[in-house]
C-alpha atoms as a PDB file:
ATOM      1  CA  UNK A   1      16.925 -18.740   3.047  1.00  0.00           C
ATOM      2  CA  UNK A   2      15.159 -15.592   1.900  1.00  0.00           C
ATOM      3  CA  UNK A   3      12.462 -14.024   4.060  1.00  0.00           C
ATOM      4  CA  UNK A   4      10.393 -10.886   3.453  1.00  0.00           C
ATOM      5  CA  UNK A   5       9.531  -8.156   5.959  1.00  0.00           C
ATOM      6  CA  UNK A   6       6.999  -5.376   5.272  1.00  0.00           C
ATOM      7  CA  UNK A   7       4.920  -2.797   7.080  1.00  0.00           C
ATOM      8  CA  UNK A   8       1.141  -3.209   7.157  1.00  0.00           C
ATOM      9  CA  UNK A   9       0.489  -0.549   4.507  1.00  0.00           C
ATOM     10  CA  UNK A  10       1.541  -3.237   2.022  1.00  0.00           C
ATOM     11  CA  UNK A  11      -2.035  -4.644   2.097  1.00  0.00           C
ATOM     12  CA  UNK A  12      -0.949  -8.145   1.130  1.00  0.00           C
ATOM     13  CA  UNK A  13      -3.757 -10.625   0.466  1.00  0.00           C
ATOM     14  CA  UNK A  14      -4.063 -13.128   3.324  1.00  0.00           C
ATOM     15  CA  UNK A  15      -2.664 -16.033   1.321  1.00  0.00           C
ATOM     16  CA  UNK A  16       0.593 -14.088   0.969  1.00  0.00           C
ATOM     17  CA  UNK A  17       0.621 -12.320   4.337  1.00  0.00           C
ATOM     18  CA  UNK A  18       0.257 -15.620   6.223  1.00  0.00           C
ATOM     19  CA  UNK A  19       3.201 -17.325   4.536  1.00  0.00           C
ATOM     20  CA  UNK A  20       5.982 -18.544   6.830  1.00  0.00           C
ATOM     21  CA  UNK A  21       8.533 -16.489   4.876  1.00  0.00           C
ATOM     22  CA  UNK A  22       6.588 -13.206   5.197  1.00  0.00           C
ATOM     23  CA  UNK A  23       6.330 -10.978   8.291  1.00  0.00           C
ATOM     24  CA  UNK A  24       4.096  -7.890   8.497  1.00  0.00           C
ATOM     25  CA  UNK A  25       4.793  -5.166  11.069  1.00  0.00           C
ATOM     26  CA  UNK A  26       1.732  -3.069  11.991  1.00  0.00           C
ATOM     27  CA  UNK A  27       1.829   0.703  11.702  1.00  0.00           C
ATOM     28  CA  UNK A  28       0.278   2.699  14.524  1.00  0.00           C
ATOM     29  CA  UNK A  29      -3.150   4.272  14.175  1.00  0.00           C
ATOM     30  CA  UNK A  30      -3.784   7.210  16.491  1.00  0.00           C
ATOM     31  CA  UNK A  31      -7.373   7.864  17.551  1.00  0.00           C
ATOM     32  CA  UNK A  32      -7.550  10.880  19.801  1.00  0.00           C
ATOM     33  CA  UNK A  33      -4.918  10.380  22.499  1.00  0.00           C
ATOM     34  CA  UNK A  34      -4.590   6.618  22.067  1.00  0.00           C
ATOM     35  CA  UNK A  35      -2.344   4.660  19.703  1.00  0.00           C
ATOM     36  CA  UNK A  36      -3.135   1.186  18.401  1.00  0.00           C
ATOM     37  CA  UNK A  37      -1.329  -1.415  16.294  1.00  0.00           C
ATOM     38  CA  UNK A  38      -3.538  -1.605  13.243  1.00  0.00           C
ATOM     39  CA  UNK A  39      -5.070  -4.994  12.615  1.00  0.00           C
ATOM     40  CA  UNK A  40      -3.804  -6.223  15.991  1.00  0.00           C
ATOM     41  CA  UNK A  41      -5.220  -3.936  18.674  1.00  0.00           C
ATOM     42  CA  UNK A  42      -7.983  -2.319  16.634  1.00  0.00           C
ATOM     43  CA  UNK A  43     -10.122  -3.381  13.682  1.00  0.00           C
ATOM     44  CA  UNK A  44     -10.877  -1.545  10.455  1.00  0.00           C
ATOM     45  CA  UNK A  45     -14.529  -1.364  11.496  1.00  0.00           C
ATOM     46  CA  UNK A  46     -13.597   0.392  14.752  1.00  0.00           C
ATOM     47  CA  UNK A  47     -11.408   2.865  12.883  1.00  0.00           C
ATOM     48  CA  UNK A  48     -14.174   3.511  10.361  1.00  0.00           C
ATOM     49  CA  UNK A  49     -16.688   4.171  13.157  1.00  0.00           C
ATOM     50  CA  UNK A  50     -14.282   6.642  14.787  1.00  0.00           C
ATOM     51  CA  UNK A  51     -13.886   8.503  11.484  1.00  0.00           C
ATOM     52  CA  UNK A  52     -17.628   9.167  11.282  1.00  0.00           C
ATOM     53  CA  UNK A  53     -17.214  12.061  13.727  1.00  0.00           C
ATOM     54  CA  UNK A  54     -13.459  12.489  14.161  1.00  0.00           C
ATOM     55  CA  UNK A  55     -10.128  12.694  12.393  1.00  0.00           C
ATOM     56  CA  UNK A  56      -7.383  10.169  13.002  1.00  0.00           C
ATOM     57  CA  UNK A  57      -3.751   9.870  12.006  1.00  0.00           C
ATOM     58  CA  UNK A  58      -1.003   7.301  11.688  1.00  0.00           C
ATOM     59  CA  UNK A  59       2.457   7.081  13.182  1.00  0.00           C
ATOM     60  CA  UNK A  60       5.495   4.907  12.555  1.00  0.00           C
ATOM     61  CA  UNK A  61       5.538   1.293  13.702  1.00  0.00           C
ATOM     62  CA  UNK A  62       7.020   0.688  17.138  1.00  0.00           C
ATOM     63  CA  UNK A  63      10.821   0.254  16.871  1.00  0.00           C
ATOM     64  CA  UNK A  64      10.404  -2.724  19.179  1.00  0.00           C
ATOM     65  CA  UNK A  65       7.939  -4.306  16.753  1.00  0.00           C
ATOM     66  CA  UNK A  66      10.353  -3.759  13.865  1.00  0.00           C
ATOM     67  CA  UNK A  67      13.224  -5.366  15.777  1.00  0.00           C
ATOM     68  CA  UNK A  68      10.932  -8.275  16.697  1.00  0.00           C
ATOM     69  CA  UNK A  69      10.278  -8.832  12.982  1.00  0.00           C
ATOM     70  CA  UNK A  70      13.987  -9.257  12.263  1.00  0.00           C
ATOM     71  CA  UNK A  71      14.484 -11.462  15.316  1.00  0.00           C
ATOM     72  CA  UNK A  72      11.491 -13.657  14.472  1.00  0.00           C
ATOM     73  CA  UNK A  73      12.463 -14.174  10.848  1.00  0.00           C
ATOM     74  CA  UNK A  74      16.046 -14.978  11.848  1.00  0.00           C
ATOM     75  CA  UNK A  75      14.775 -17.502  14.398  1.00  0.00           C
ATOM     76  CA  UNK A  76      12.710 -19.126  11.651  1.00  0.00           C
ATOM     77  CA  UNK A  77      15.902 -19.702   9.700  1.00  0.00           C
ATOM     78  CA  UNK A  78      15.763 -16.769   7.283  1.00  0.00           C
ATOM     79  CA  UNK A  79      19.220 -15.206   7.207  1.00  0.00           C
ATOM     80  CA  UNK A  80      18.662 -13.303   3.958  1.00  0.00           C
ATOM     81  CA  UNK A  81      15.980 -10.665   4.442  1.00  0.00           C
ATOM     82  CA  UNK A  82      14.212  -8.532   1.867  1.00  0.00           C
ATOM     83  CA  UNK A  83      12.553  -5.478   3.416  1.00  0.00           C
ATOM     84  CA  UNK A  84       9.919  -3.662   1.332  1.00  0.00           C
ATOM     85  CA  UNK A  85       8.222  -0.585   2.750  1.00  0.00           C
ATOM     86  CA  UNK A  86       5.785   2.222   2.186  1.00  0.00           C
ATOM     87  CA  UNK A  87       7.219   5.046   0.081  1.00  0.00           C
ATOM     88  CA  UNK A  88       9.845   7.089   1.857  1.00  0.00           C
ATOM     89  CA  UNK A  89       8.191  10.135   0.293  1.00  0.00           C
ATOM     90  CA  UNK A  90       5.060   9.481   2.335  1.00  0.00           C
ATOM     91  CA  UNK A  91       6.458   8.283   5.642  1.00  0.00           C
ATOM     92  CA  UNK A  92       9.591   7.716   7.681  1.00  0.00           C
ATOM     93  CA  UNK A  93       8.741   4.001   7.874  1.00  0.00           C
ATOM     94  CA  UNK A  94      11.305   2.945   5.264  1.00  0.00           C
ATOM     95  CA  UNK A  95      14.134   4.741   7.058  1.00  0.00           C
ATOM     96  CA  UNK A  96      13.067   3.228  10.396  1.00  0.00           C
ATOM     97  CA  UNK A  97      13.204  -0.319   9.030  1.00  0.00           C
ATOM     98  CA  UNK A  98      16.497   0.365   7.270  1.00  0.00           C
ATOM     99  CA  UNK A  99      18.130   1.750  10.422  1.00  0.00           C
ATOM    100  CA  UNK A 100      16.971  -1.102  12.641  1.00  0.00           C
ATOM    101  CA  UNK A 101      17.879  -3.641   9.969  1.00  0.00           C
ATOM    102  CA  UNK A 102      21.424  -2.283   9.784  1.00  0.00           C
ATOM    103  CA  UNK A 103      21.703  -2.520  13.564  1.00  0.00           C
ATOM    104  CA  UNK A 104      20.404  -6.083  13.529  1.00  0.00           C
ATOM    105  CA  UNK A 105      22.775  -7.181  10.738  1.00  0.00           C
ATOM    106  CA  UNK A 106      25.794  -5.565  12.438  1.00  0.00           C
ATOM    107  CA  UNK A 107      25.308  -7.892  15.400  1.00  0.00           C
ATOM    108  CA  UNK A 108      24.891 -11.029  13.269  1.00  0.00           C
ATOM    109  CA  UNK A 109      27.508 -11.432  10.562  1.00  0.00           C
ATOM    110  CA  UNK A 110      25.589 -14.224   8.811  1.00  0.00           C
ATOM    111  CA  UNK A 111      22.607 -11.965   8.103  1.00  0.00           C
ATOM    112  CA  UNK A 112      22.230 -10.129   4.787  1.00  0.00           C
ATOM    113  CA  UNK A 113      19.510  -7.488   4.438  1.00  0.00           C
ATOM    114  CA  UNK A 114      18.324  -5.683   1.305  1.00  0.00           C
ATOM    115  CA  UNK A 115      15.953  -2.734   1.877  1.00  0.00           C
ATOM    116  CA  UNK A 116      13.699  -1.534  -0.934  1.00  0.00           C
ATOM    117  CA  UNK A 117      11.697   1.701  -0.965  1.00  0.00           C
ATOM    118  CA  UNK A 118       8.537   0.746  -2.879  1.00  0.00           C
ATOM    119  CA  UNK A 119       7.888   4.384  -3.843  1.00  0.00           C
ATOM    120  CA  UNK A 120       4.257   3.389  -3.499  1.00  0.00           C
ATOM    121  CA  UNK A 121       1.562   2.264  -1.087  1.00  0.00           C
ATOM    122  CA  UNK A 122      -0.998  -0.510  -0.659  1.00  0.00           C
ATOM    123  CA  UNK A 123      -1.463  -2.498  -3.870  1.00  0.00           C
ATOM    124  CA  UNK A 124       1.594  -0.860  -5.389  1.00  0.00           C
ATOM    125  CA  UNK A 125       3.719  -2.480  -2.664  1.00  0.00           C
ATOM    126  CA  UNK A 126       1.758  -5.734  -2.698  1.00  0.00           C
ATOM    127  CA  UNK A 127       2.518  -6.229  -6.380  1.00  0.00           C
ATOM    128  CA  UNK A 128       6.257  -5.793  -5.752  1.00  0.00           C
ATOM    129  CA  UNK A 129       6.133  -8.329  -2.925  1.00  0.00           C
ATOM    130  CA  UNK A 130       4.191 -10.723  -5.163  1.00  0.00           C
ATOM    131  CA  UNK A 131       6.932 -10.432  -7.777  1.00  0.00           C
ATOM    132  CA  UNK A 132       9.617 -10.965  -5.129  1.00  0.00           C
ATOM    133  CA  UNK A 133       7.920 -14.185  -4.001  1.00  0.00           C
ATOM    134  CA  UNK A 134       7.706 -15.458  -7.581  1.00  0.00           C
ATOM    135  CA  UNK A 135      11.383 -14.632  -8.176  1.00  0.00           C
ATOM    136  CA  UNK A 136      12.370 -16.352  -4.948  1.00  0.00           C
ATOM    137  CA  UNK A 137      10.411 -19.473  -5.934  1.00  0.00           C
ATOM    138  CA  UNK A 138      12.241 -19.704  -9.241  1.00  0.00           C
ATOM    139  CA  UNK A 139      15.587 -19.511  -7.440  1.00  0.00           C
ATOM    140  CA  UNK A 140      16.721 -15.914  -7.877  1.00  0.00           C
ATOM    141  CA  UNK A 141      19.164 -14.557  -5.300  1.00  0.00           C
ATOM    142  CA  UNK A 142      18.327 -11.885  -2.735  1.00  0.00           C
ATOM    143  CA  UNK A 143      20.529  -9.363  -4.533  1.00  0.00           C
ATOM    144  CA  UNK A 144      18.885 -10.029  -7.908  1.00  0.00           C
ATOM    145  CA  UNK A 145      15.396  -9.753  -6.413  1.00  0.00           C
ATOM    146  CA  UNK A 146      16.178  -6.478  -4.630  1.00  0.00           C
ATOM    147  CA  UNK A 147      17.767  -5.003  -7.751  1.00  0.00           C
ATOM    148  CA  UNK A 148      14.760  -5.963  -9.858  1.00  0.00           C
ATOM    149  CA  UNK A 149      12.290  -4.454  -7.392  1.00  0.00           C
ATOM    150  CA  UNK A 150      14.246  -1.198  -7.256  1.00  0.00           C
ATOM    151  CA  UNK A 151      14.119  -0.974 -11.047  1.00  0.00           C
ATOM    152  CA  UNK A 152      10.331  -1.401 -10.892  1.00  0.00           C
ATOM    153  CA  UNK A 153       9.595   0.921  -7.971  1.00  0.00           C
ATOM    154  CA  UNK A 154       8.007   4.200  -8.994  1.00  0.00           C
ATOM    155  CA  UNK A 155       8.079   3.252 -12.666  1.00  0.00           C
ATOM    156  CA  UNK A 156       6.423  -0.103 -13.293  1.00  0.00           C
ATOM    157  CA  UNK A 157       4.203  -0.430 -10.194  1.00  0.00           C
ATOM    158  CA  UNK A 158       1.387   1.854 -11.279  1.00  0.00           C
ATOM    159  CA  UNK A 159      -1.472   2.794  -8.946  1.00  0.00           C
ATOM    160  CA  UNK A 160      -4.504   5.048  -9.158  1.00  0.00           C
ATOM    161  CA  UNK A 161      -7.169   5.613  -6.529  1.00  0.00           C
ATOM    162  CA  UNK A 162     -10.449   7.476  -6.252  1.00  0.00           C
ATOM    163  CA  UNK A 163     -11.578   9.031  -2.974  1.00  0.00           C
ATOM    164  CA  UNK A 164     -15.223   9.731  -2.088  1.00  0.00           C
ATOM    165  CA  UNK A 165     -14.373  12.745   0.048  1.00  0.00           C
ATOM    166  CA  UNK A 166     -11.646  15.365   0.200  1.00  0.00           C
ATOM    167  CA  UNK A 167     -12.056  16.175   3.896  1.00  0.00           C
ATOM    168  CA  UNK A 168      -9.334  13.839   5.181  1.00  0.00           C
ATOM    169  CA  UNK A 169      -6.789  15.043   2.626  1.00  0.00           C
ATOM    170  CA  UNK A 170      -7.787  18.589   3.486  1.00  0.00           C
ATOM    171  CA  UNK A 171      -7.320  17.898   7.200  1.00  0.00           C
ATOM    172  CA  UNK A 172      -3.856  16.427   6.596  1.00  0.00           C
ATOM    173  CA  UNK A 173      -2.854  19.427   4.473  1.00  0.00           C
ATOM    174  CA  UNK A 174      -2.290  17.404   1.282  1.00  0.00           C
ATOM    175  CA  UNK A 175      -4.678  19.710  -0.592  1.00  0.00           C
ATOM    176  CA  UNK A 176      -5.646  23.301   0.009  1.00  0.00           C
ATOM    177  CA  UNK A 177      -8.619  24.018   2.257  1.00  0.00           C
ATOM    178  CA  UNK A 178     -10.320  26.171  -0.377  1.00  0.00           C
ATOM    179  CA  UNK A 179      -9.849  23.506  -3.059  1.00  0.00           C
ATOM    180  CA  UNK A 180     -11.184  20.890  -0.676  1.00  0.00           C
ATOM    181  CA  UNK A 181     -14.270  22.923   0.258  1.00  0.00           C
ATOM    182  CA  UNK A 182     -15.146  23.770  -3.340  1.00  0.00           C
ATOM    183  CA  UNK A 183     -14.607  20.150  -4.360  1.00  0.00           C
ATOM    184  CA  UNK A 184     -17.044  18.850  -1.783  1.00  0.00           C
ATOM    185  CA  UNK A 185     -19.674  21.443  -2.644  1.00  0.00           C
ATOM    186  CA  UNK A 186     -19.478  20.433  -6.331  1.00  0.00           C
ATOM    187  CA  UNK A 187     -19.329  16.684  -5.536  1.00  0.00           C
ATOM    188  CA  UNK A 188     -15.930  16.491  -7.199  1.00  0.00           C
ATOM    189  CA  UNK A 189     -14.078  13.243  -6.574  1.00  0.00           C
ATOM    190  CA  UNK A 190     -10.282  13.293  -6.877  1.00  0.00           C
ATOM    191  CA  UNK A 191      -8.260  10.655  -8.710  1.00  0.00           C
ATOM    192  CA  UNK A 192      -4.862  10.291  -7.113  1.00  0.00           C
ATOM    193  CA  UNK A 193      -1.679   8.483  -8.024  1.00  0.00           C
ATOM    194  CA  UNK A 194       1.828   8.085  -6.658  1.00  0.00           C
ATOM    195  CA  UNK A 195       4.442   9.691  -8.893  1.00  0.00           C
ATOM    196  CA  UNK A 196       7.904   8.344  -9.728  1.00  0.00           C
ATOM    197  CA  UNK A 197       9.362   9.950  -6.599  1.00  0.00           C
ATOM    198  CA  UNK A 198       6.847   8.191  -4.369  1.00  0.00           C
ATOM    199  CA  UNK A 199       4.698  11.222  -3.542  1.00  0.00           C
ATOM    200  CA  UNK A 200       0.914  11.659  -3.733  1.00  0.00           C
ATOM    201  CA  UNK A 201      -0.152  13.516  -6.868  1.00  0.00           C
ATOM    202  CA  UNK A 202      -3.587  14.516  -8.116  1.00  0.00           C
ATOM    203  CA  UNK A 203      -4.063  12.763 -11.455  1.00  0.00           C
ATOM    204  CA  UNK A 204      -7.544  14.002 -12.273  1.00  0.00           C
ATOM    205  CA  UNK A 205     -11.046  14.500 -10.966  1.00  0.00           C
ATOM    206  CA  UNK A 206     -14.645  13.967 -11.985  1.00  0.00           C
ATOM    207  CA  UNK A 207     -18.131  14.871 -10.840  1.00  0.00           C
ATOM    208  CA  UNK A 208     -19.491  11.945  -8.844  1.00  0.00           C
ATOM    209  CA  UNK A 209     -17.918   8.699  -7.691  1.00  0.00           C
ATOM    210  CA  UNK A 210     -19.052   6.549 -10.627  1.00  0.00           C
ATOM    211  CA  UNK A 211     -17.564   8.864 -13.237  1.00  0.00           C
ATOM    212  CA  UNK A 212     -14.360   9.237 -11.234  1.00  0.00           C
ATOM    213  CA  UNK A 213     -13.930   5.464 -10.985  1.00  0.00           C
ATOM    214  CA  UNK A 214     -14.588   5.067 -14.707  1.00  0.00           C
ATOM    215  CA  UNK A 215     -12.012   7.734 -15.455  1.00  0.00           C
ATOM    216  CA  UNK A 216      -9.529   6.091 -13.085  1.00  0.00           C
ATOM    217  CA  UNK A 217      -9.883   2.732 -14.843  1.00  0.00           C
ATOM    218  CA  UNK A 218      -9.429   4.415 -18.224  1.00  0.00           C
ATOM    219  CA  UNK A 219      -6.197   5.974 -16.937  1.00  0.00           C
ATOM    220  CA  UNK A 220      -4.869   2.591 -15.880  1.00  0.00           C
ATOM    221  CA  UNK A 221      -5.841   0.888 -19.143  1.00  0.00           C
ATOM    222  CA  UNK A 222      -4.255   3.669 -21.195  1.00  0.00           C
ATOM    223  CA  UNK A 223      -1.047   3.546 -19.123  1.00  0.00           C
ATOM    224  CA  UNK A 224      -0.481  -0.196 -19.629  1.00  0.00           C
ATOM    225  CA  UNK A 225      -1.806  -0.445 -23.180  1.00  0.00           C
ATOM    226  CA  UNK A 226       0.493  -2.589 -25.331  1.00  0.00           C
ATOM    227  CA  UNK A 227       2.588  -3.678 -22.321  1.00  0.00           C
ATOM    228  CA  UNK A 228       2.837  -7.040 -20.616  1.00  0.00           C
ATOM    229  CA  UNK A 229       1.322  -6.951 -17.124  1.00  0.00           C
ATOM    230  CA  UNK A 230       2.563  -9.337 -14.425  1.00  0.00           C
ATOM    231  CA  UNK A 231      -0.286  -8.703 -11.989  1.00  0.00           C
ATOM    232  CA  UNK A 232      -3.061  -6.258 -11.176  1.00  0.00           C
ATOM    233  CA  UNK A 233      -4.373  -4.907  -7.879  1.00  0.00           C
ATOM    234  CA  UNK A 234      -7.839  -3.880  -6.725  1.00  0.00           C
ATOM    235  CA  UNK A 235      -8.413  -2.494  -3.232  1.00  0.00           C
ATOM    236  CA  UNK A 236     -11.169  -0.619  -1.447  1.00  0.00           C
ATOM    237  CA  UNK A 237     -12.306   0.670   1.954  1.00  0.00           C
ATOM    238  CA  UNK A 238     -15.790   0.184   3.372  1.00  0.00           C
ATOM    239  CA  UNK A 239     -18.501  -2.278   2.402  1.00  0.00           C
ATOM    240  CA  UNK A 240     -21.520  -0.164   1.489  1.00  0.00           C
ATOM    241  CA  UNK A 241     -23.482  -1.364  -1.523  1.00  0.00           C
ATOM    242  CA  UNK A 242     -22.317   1.430  -3.851  1.00  0.00           C
ATOM    243  CA  UNK A 243     -18.658   0.728  -3.138  1.00  0.00           C
ATOM    244  CA  UNK A 244     -19.075  -3.030  -3.562  1.00  0.00           C
ATOM    245  CA  UNK A 245     -20.939  -2.536  -6.827  1.00  0.00           C
ATOM    246  CA  UNK A 246     -18.222  -0.268  -8.217  1.00  0.00           C
ATOM    247  CA  UNK A 247     -15.488  -2.682  -7.107  1.00  0.00           C
ATOM    248  CA  UNK A 248     -17.248  -5.522  -8.946  1.00  0.00           C
ATOM    249  CA  UNK A 249     -17.477  -3.356 -12.068  1.00  0.00           C
ATOM    250  CA  UNK A 250     -13.791  -2.458 -11.887  1.00  0.00           C
ATOM    251  CA  UNK A 251     -12.870  -6.137 -11.523  1.00  0.00           C
ATOM    252  CA  UNK A 252     -14.577  -6.950 -14.818  1.00  0.00           C
ATOM    253  CA  UNK A 253     -12.700  -4.137 -16.555  1.00  0.00           C
ATOM    254  CA  UNK A 254      -9.173  -4.974 -15.367  1.00  0.00           C
ATOM    255  CA  UNK A 255      -9.283  -8.774 -15.048  1.00  0.00           C
ATOM    256  CA  UNK A 256      -8.238  -9.251 -18.675  1.00  0.00           C
ATOM    257  CA  UNK A 257      -4.921  -7.486 -18.020  1.00  0.00           C
ATOM    258  CA  UNK A 258      -3.526 -10.406 -16.012  1.00  0.00           C
ATOM    259  CA  UNK A 259      -4.653 -13.688 -14.489  1.00  0.00           C
ATOM    260  CA  UNK A 260      -2.921 -12.620 -11.274  1.00  0.00           C
ATOM    261  CA  UNK A 261      -5.217 -10.343  -9.260  1.00  0.00           C
ATOM    262  CA  UNK A 262      -4.331  -9.057  -5.789  1.00  0.00           C
ATOM    263  CA  UNK A 263      -7.467  -7.782  -4.082  1.00  0.00           C
ATOM    264  CA  UNK A 264      -8.785  -6.884  -0.657  1.00  0.00           C
ATOM    265  CA  UNK A 265      -9.586  -4.131   1.807  1.00  0.00           C
ATOM    266  CA  UNK A 266      -7.280  -1.213   2.412  1.00  0.00           C
ATOM    267  CA  UNK A 267      -5.420  -1.055   5.707  1.00  0.00           C
ATOM    268  CA  UNK A 268      -6.532   1.240   8.501  1.00  0.00           C
ATOM    269  CA  UNK A 269      -3.352   3.207   7.843  1.00  0.00           C
ATOM    270  CA  UNK A 270      -4.814   4.316   4.524  1.00  0.00           C
ATOM    271  CA  UNK A 271      -8.417   4.443   5.701  1.00  0.00           C
ATOM    272  CA  UNK A 272      -7.618   7.292   8.119  1.00  0.00           C
ATOM    273  CA  UNK A 273      -6.273   9.415   5.256  1.00  0.00           C
ATOM    274  CA  UNK A 274      -9.086   8.779   2.785  1.00  0.00           C
ATOM    275  CA  UNK A 275     -12.138   7.507   4.626  1.00  0.00           C
ATOM    276  CA  UNK A 276     -14.629   4.842   3.612  1.00  0.00           C
ATOM    277  CA  UNK A 277     -15.420   4.254  -0.045  1.00  0.00           C
ATOM    278  CA  UNK A 278     -11.898   4.511  -1.516  1.00  0.00           C
ATOM    279  CA  UNK A 279     -11.315   2.396  -4.621  1.00  0.00           C
ATOM    280  CA  UNK A 280      -7.794   1.813  -5.892  1.00  0.00           C
ATOM    281  CA  UNK A 281      -6.398  -0.048  -8.886  1.00  0.00           C
ATOM    282  CA  UNK A 282      -2.909  -0.934  -9.966  1.00  0.00           C
ATOM    283  CA  UNK A 283      -0.791  -2.884 -12.412  1.00  0.00           C
ATOM    284  CA  UNK A 284       2.788  -4.109 -12.385  1.00  0.00           C
ATOM    285  CA  UNK A 285       4.394  -4.042 -15.790  1.00  0.00           C
ATOM    286  CA  UNK A 286       6.487  -7.148 -16.388  1.00  0.00           C
END
């Protein structure tokens, strides 16, 4: 039987994350000198409160937690395992899972593991996992599913996201300090994407959050125009009224692309790099 293992940056909706054939390994969120398993030992609200006056960071999942994922899925009867991770261009998570998976399979000859680098994050990964589940349900083999996902990764799983502040990207060194300072003074909101190599890229910017979100949605609609879309994704961080209002507006604009919408809150692993008020959209081209 085919089972699926992911890291928590996948941001799967609960109805998918809680399936018996899916296992999510938490990444570590580091607040000051303490590390926590996100979603297990610390909540998004606690992380958000910490970010009001501090900077945080993430680190790789515990190797022990990754091994436990393989052991648990095998014990459940899943001897064919599909592993889908955060882009290798953004983190060493994919390589960690691949290394531990190879070790696990070498000790159990009946186990077959296929590792896929999503070349994406959050909704971009969730859409690939959604497709994998649909392929599994129609009877496709592990090898066929993995091959299909690799052909989609970085090309057909399109994501854009708008950030309300540049300070966390500036702190992490992903943008220049001067650019970040000028951007905040001018109320410039960046529109980011993940390029075909799985790396963060600035796609555009606009003055004010509302205009940036509108521009982001236009980018997505233009990118998928004339193409068949399997599913769409809509994620955000924080629950202030402005964010919720913008999320509702975005939902009305992208819902016609596909009847399959994956939506929810961003993981703490992304929250620490972008802060509250992030809005992200995505589409998976069929």
